[in-house]
Protein backbone atom coordinates (compact mmCIF):
# COMPACT_ATOMS: atom_id res chain seq x y z
CA MET A 1 -25.34 3.13 -6.58
CA LYS A 2 -24.77 5.22 -9.64
CA ARG A 3 -21.14 5.27 -10.74
CA ASN A 4 -19.81 8.05 -12.90
CA VAL A 5 -17.09 6.81 -15.26
CA THR A 6 -15.30 10.16 -15.61
CA PRO A 7 -13.68 11.23 -12.33
CA LEU A 8 -13.85 14.81 -11.15
CA SER A 9 -10.53 16.63 -11.01
CA LYS A 10 -9.56 18.97 -8.18
CA GLY A 11 -6.36 20.77 -7.30
CA ALA A 12 -4.81 19.84 -3.96
CA GLU A 13 -5.87 23.04 -2.18
CA GLU A 14 -9.39 22.89 -3.60
CA ALA A 15 -9.65 19.23 -2.57
CA ARG A 16 -8.52 20.10 0.95
CA GLN A 17 -11.21 22.75 1.23
CA GLN A 18 -13.91 20.51 -0.25
CA LEU A 19 -12.98 17.20 1.40
CA PRO A 20 -16.39 16.63 3.04
CA ALA A 21 -18.14 17.07 -0.32
CA ILE A 22 -15.59 14.80 -2.02
CA LEU A 23 -16.26 12.09 0.57
CA VAL A 24 -20.02 12.38 0.06
CA ALA A 25 -19.46 12.08 -3.69
CA ALA A 26 -17.29 8.99 -3.16
CA ALA A 27 -20.02 7.41 -1.05
CA ALA A 28 -22.39 8.07 -3.96
CA GLY A 29 -20.02 6.35 -6.41
CA GLN A 30 -18.11 9.36 -7.82
CA SER A 31 -14.31 9.21 -8.10
CA THR A 32 -12.23 12.36 -7.66
CA LEU A 33 -8.71 12.86 -8.98
CA ILE A 34 -6.50 15.17 -6.93
CA THR A 35 -3.79 17.03 -8.80
CA ARG A 36 -0.75 19.04 -7.83
CA HIS A 37 0.64 21.43 -10.45
CA GLY A 38 -1.53 19.74 -13.08
CA ARG A 39 -0.29 16.20 -12.35
CA ALA A 40 -2.50 13.57 -10.74
CA VAL A 41 -1.11 12.60 -7.32
CA ALA A 42 -4.05 10.88 -5.60
CA ALA A 43 -7.56 9.62 -6.09
CA VAL A 44 -10.55 9.38 -3.79
CA VAL A 45 -12.59 6.43 -5.02
CA PRO A 46 -15.68 4.63 -3.78
CA VAL A 47 -14.73 1.74 -1.52
CA THR A 48 -16.89 -0.56 -3.67
CA SER A 49 -14.51 -0.03 -6.60
CA LEU A 50 -11.53 -1.39 -4.66
CA LYS A 51 -10.47 -4.93 -5.36
CA GLN A 52 -10.42 -7.03 -2.20
CA VAL A 53 -7.06 -8.79 -1.94
CA LYS A 54 -6.86 -11.99 0.05
CA PRO A 55 -3.69 -12.01 2.19
CA ALA A 56 -1.12 -14.59 1.13
CA SER A 57 -0.64 -17.54 3.44
CA LEU A 58 2.64 -17.71 5.32
CA LEU A 59 2.46 -21.51 5.48
CA ALA A 60 4.49 -21.75 2.27
CA LEU A 61 7.40 -20.17 4.13
CA ALA A 62 7.30 -22.72 6.94
CA GLY A 63 10.37 -24.89 7.31
CA THR A 64 13.18 -25.88 9.60
CA GLY A 65 15.78 -23.49 8.28
CA ARG A 66 18.20 -26.42 8.12
CA GLY A 67 21.21 -25.48 6.04
CA LEU A 68 20.48 -21.78 6.26
CA TRP A 69 23.68 -21.13 8.22
CA GLY A 70 25.84 -23.82 6.63
CA LYS A 71 26.92 -27.13 8.12
CA ASP A 72 27.96 -25.62 11.46
CA SER A 73 25.65 -22.80 12.49
CA ARG A 74 27.79 -22.07 15.58
CA LYS A 75 30.75 -21.08 13.39
CA ALA A 76 28.58 -18.94 11.12
CA ILE A 77 27.16 -17.04 14.10
CA ASP A 78 30.65 -16.60 15.59
CA ARG A 79 31.84 -15.10 12.29
CA LEU A 80 28.92 -12.67 12.32
CA ARG A 81 29.70 -11.65 15.88
CA ASP A 82 33.36 -11.13 14.98
CA GLU A 83 32.35 -8.60 12.33
CA TRP A 84 31.22 -6.24 15.06
CA LYS A 85 34.56 -6.44 16.86
CA ARG A 86 36.46 -5.01 13.90
């Protein structure tokens, strides 16, 4: 696919009216910048230009939670419940 380095620039209303053409251009490798009042607010980019991010493993967060509530978790929970009675 041919990729154009300089993105097209469209105003928000123009982009709304031309969305099908913008999507075809993105499929062909063309990026389009969408502006509102002259400021860039969004970009339509080819999916091939996106960096694939591998989700972080939650295994590093695994644990028993021991000590999370102090030495006596029953008292800590009772204190939290008492807050709602005030």
